[in-house]
Amino acid sequence: MTEPVAVTDRTAVLASNDEEMRLLLRGLLRVQRFRVVAESSGAGQAVELVRSQRPRVLLVDSRLSEGNVGDLVARARGAESSVRIVLVLPSHPRSAATREGKGADAILHRPFELREFFEAVEPGSSEAPSAGRTGALPSATGGQR
């Protein structure tokens, strides 16, 4: 029997079926000095990655291909109770995904400010964006969202 892996301080698992969104989130995590240890395009795989990789943060884009956000949050929390779960949701705060996402540690609504992202991933972080990197999150294809 293998011993459980310790939760690693600056690691993250990304869960999104949108490659452009994963690319964008991966880059933002790098700025915050997080290492993405695994990526998933489905809820079930994301939970297994949380269980096996024991990341500090699970970053979930609500457009996953399977299941609902609430189920994913509950299953990920069951797999690793100390993981910080951050949801990236559609812009409307009253969306079904927002209601389902209760239990997450932080919810970001697209588009979000960079400072909101940094605070959601690591509350009280000293990793604030530099003066030139404030404002709305750019889209993966170029302009502001």
Protein backbone atom coordinates (compact mmCIF):
# COMPACT_ATOMS: atom_id res chain seq x y z
CA MET A 1 0.00 0.00 0.00
CA THR A 2 1.35 3.43 -0.92
CA GLU A 3 1.49 6.28 1.55
CA PRO A 4 -0.67 9.32 0.81
CA VAL A 5 1.05 12.13 -1.01
CA ALA A 6 1.32 15.36 0.99
CA VAL A 7 -0.63 18.35 -0.29
CA THR A 8 1.88 20.42 -2.25
CA ASP A 9 1.88 24.14 -1.51
CA ARG A 10 1.98 25.74 -4.96
CA THR A 11 0.37 23.16 -7.21
CA ALA A 12 -2.88 23.29 -9.13
CA VAL A 13 -5.17 21.09 -11.21
CA LEU A 14 -7.10 22.76 -14.06
CA ALA A 15 -10.48 21.44 -15.14
CA SER A 16 -11.94 22.83 -18.36
CA ASN A 17 -12.89 21.40 -21.70
CA ASP A 18 -11.93 24.69 -23.36
CA GLU A 19 -8.25 24.59 -24.40
CA GLU A 20 -8.03 28.39 -24.72
CA MET A 21 -9.40 28.83 -21.20
CA ARG A 22 -6.90 26.28 -19.83
CA LEU A 23 -4.07 28.13 -21.59
CA LEU A 24 -5.17 31.44 -20.10
CA LEU A 25 -5.65 30.05 -16.58
CA ARG A 26 -2.34 28.17 -16.76
CA GLY A 27 -0.56 31.43 -17.59
CA LEU A 28 -2.23 33.29 -14.72
CA LEU A 29 -1.27 30.52 -12.30
CA ARG A 30 2.34 30.75 -13.51
CA VAL A 31 2.37 34.48 -12.75
CA GLN A 32 1.32 33.55 -9.23
CA ARG A 33 4.12 30.93 -9.13
CA PHE A 34 1.79 27.93 -9.09
CA ARG A 35 2.75 24.79 -10.98
CA VAL A 36 -0.07 23.09 -12.90
CA VAL A 37 0.46 19.39 -12.17
CA ALA A 38 -2.48 18.09 -14.22
CA GLU A 39 -5.32 19.17 -16.48
CA SER A 40 -8.71 17.63 -17.12
CA SER A 41 -11.52 18.14 -19.59
CA GLY A 42 -14.09 16.28 -17.48
CA ALA A 43 -15.45 16.35 -13.94
CA GLY A 44 -14.75 12.69 -13.15
CA GLN A 45 -11.15 12.93 -14.25
CA ALA A 46 -10.71 16.17 -12.28
CA VAL A 47 -11.79 14.44 -9.06
CA GLU A 48 -9.37 11.57 -9.70
CA LEU A 49 -6.56 14.07 -10.32
CA VAL A 50 -7.34 15.84 -7.04
CA ARG A 51 -7.20 12.48 -5.29
CA SER A 52 -3.90 11.41 -6.88
CA GLN A 53 -2.07 14.76 -7.18
CA ARG A 54 -3.33 16.42 -3.97
CA PRO A 55 -2.98 19.98 -5.31
CA ARG A 56 -3.37 23.11 -3.22
CA VAL A 57 -5.87 24.51 -5.77
CA LEU A 58 -8.48 23.03 -8.13
CA LEU A 59 -9.46 25.62 -10.74
CA VAL A 60 -12.72 24.68 -12.50
CA ASP A 61 -14.24 26.27 -15.59
CA SER A 62 -17.99 25.65 -15.39
CA ARG A 63 -18.14 24.54 -19.04
CA LEU A 64 -17.01 21.00 -18.26
CA SER A 65 -18.32 18.25 -20.47
CA GLU A 66 -20.01 16.18 -17.77
CA GLY A 67 -21.87 16.53 -14.49
CA ASN A 68 -22.82 19.69 -12.67
CA VAL A 69 -20.59 22.05 -10.76
CA GLY A 70 -22.13 21.28 -7.37
CA ASP A 71 -21.46 17.57 -7.76
CA LEU A 72 -17.86 18.24 -8.80
CA VAL A 73 -17.28 20.52 -5.79
CA ALA A 74 -18.66 17.91 -3.38
CA ARG A 75 -16.69 15.04 -4.93
CA ALA A 76 -13.43 17.00 -5.07
CA ARG A 77 -13.87 18.08 -1.44
CA GLY A 78 -14.46 14.43 -0.53
CA ALA A 79 -11.29 13.39 -2.37
CA GLU A 80 -9.12 16.02 -0.66
CA SER A 81 -10.68 18.16 2.05
CA SER A 82 -7.91 20.77 2.07
CA VAL A 83 -7.97 21.58 -1.67
CA ARG A 84 -8.97 25.18 -2.45
CA ILE A 85 -11.71 25.05 -5.08
CA VAL A 86 -12.06 28.07 -7.37
CA LEU A 87 -14.86 28.16 -9.94
CA VAL A 88 -14.82 30.26 -13.11
CA LEU A 89 -18.45 30.83 -14.07
CA PRO A 90 -20.50 32.74 -16.66
CA SER A 91 -20.95 36.43 -16.04
CA HIS A 92 -24.42 36.25 -14.54
CA PRO A 93 -24.16 35.81 -10.74
CA ARG A 94 -27.61 34.24 -10.60
CA SER A 95 -26.80 31.48 -13.09
CA ALA A 96 -27.56 27.85 -12.26
CA ALA A 97 -23.84 27.16 -12.04
CA THR A 98 -23.50 29.82 -9.32
CA ARG A 99 -26.24 28.16 -7.26
CA GLU A 100 -24.65 24.74 -7.80
CA GLY A 101 -21.21 26.07 -6.87
CA LYS A 102 -21.99 26.66 -3.23
CA GLY A 103 -19.26 24.96 -1.24
CA ALA A 104 -16.49 26.25 -3.48
CA ASP A 105 -13.91 28.45 -1.77
CA ALA A 106 -14.16 31.18 -4.40
CA ILE A 107 -16.29 31.96 -7.45
CA LEU A 108 -15.09 34.16 -10.30
CA HIS A 109 -17.57 35.46 -12.87
CA ARG A 110 -16.28 36.06 -16.40
CA PRO A 111 -14.91 38.56 -17.17
CA PHE A 112 -12.97 39.05 -13.98
CA GLU A 113 -10.22 41.38 -12.86
CA LEU A 114 -6.71 39.99 -12.45
CA ARG A 115 -6.65 41.04 -8.80
CA GLU A 116 -9.85 39.00 -8.27
CA PHE A 117 -8.19 35.96 -9.80
CA PHE A 118 -5.08 36.29 -7.62
CA GLU A 119 -7.15 36.77 -4.47
CA ALA A 120 -9.43 33.82 -5.32
CA VAL A 121 -6.51 31.45 -5.84
CA GLU A 122 -4.51 32.62 -2.85
CA PRO A 123 -6.34 34.89 -0.39
CA GLY A 124 -4.12 37.63 1.01
CA SER A 125 -1.54 36.89 -1.64
CA SER A 126 1.40 39.24 -1.90
CA GLU A 127 1.54 38.29 -5.59
CA ALA A 128 -0.40 41.33 -6.77
CA PRO A 129 -0.26 42.11 -10.49
CA SER A 130 2.13 44.87 -11.48
CA ALA A 131 0.78 48.26 -12.51
CA GLY A 132 0.55 47.33 -16.20
CA ARG A 133 -1.52 44.22 -15.56
CA THR A 134 -4.69 45.45 -13.91
CA GLY A 135 -8.05 45.61 -15.58
CA ALA A 136 -10.28 43.08 -17.24
CA LEU A 137 -8.95 39.68 -18.10
CA PRO A 138 -8.03 39.52 -21.79
CA SER A 139 -9.71 36.82 -23.81
CA ALA A 140 -7.63 33.92 -25.05
CA THR A 141 -8.03 35.26 -28.58
CA GLY A 142 -6.80 38.77 -27.91
CA GLY A 143 -9.02 41.66 -26.80
CA GLN A 144 -10.69 42.42 -23.50
CA ARG A 145 -13.65 40.36 -22.40
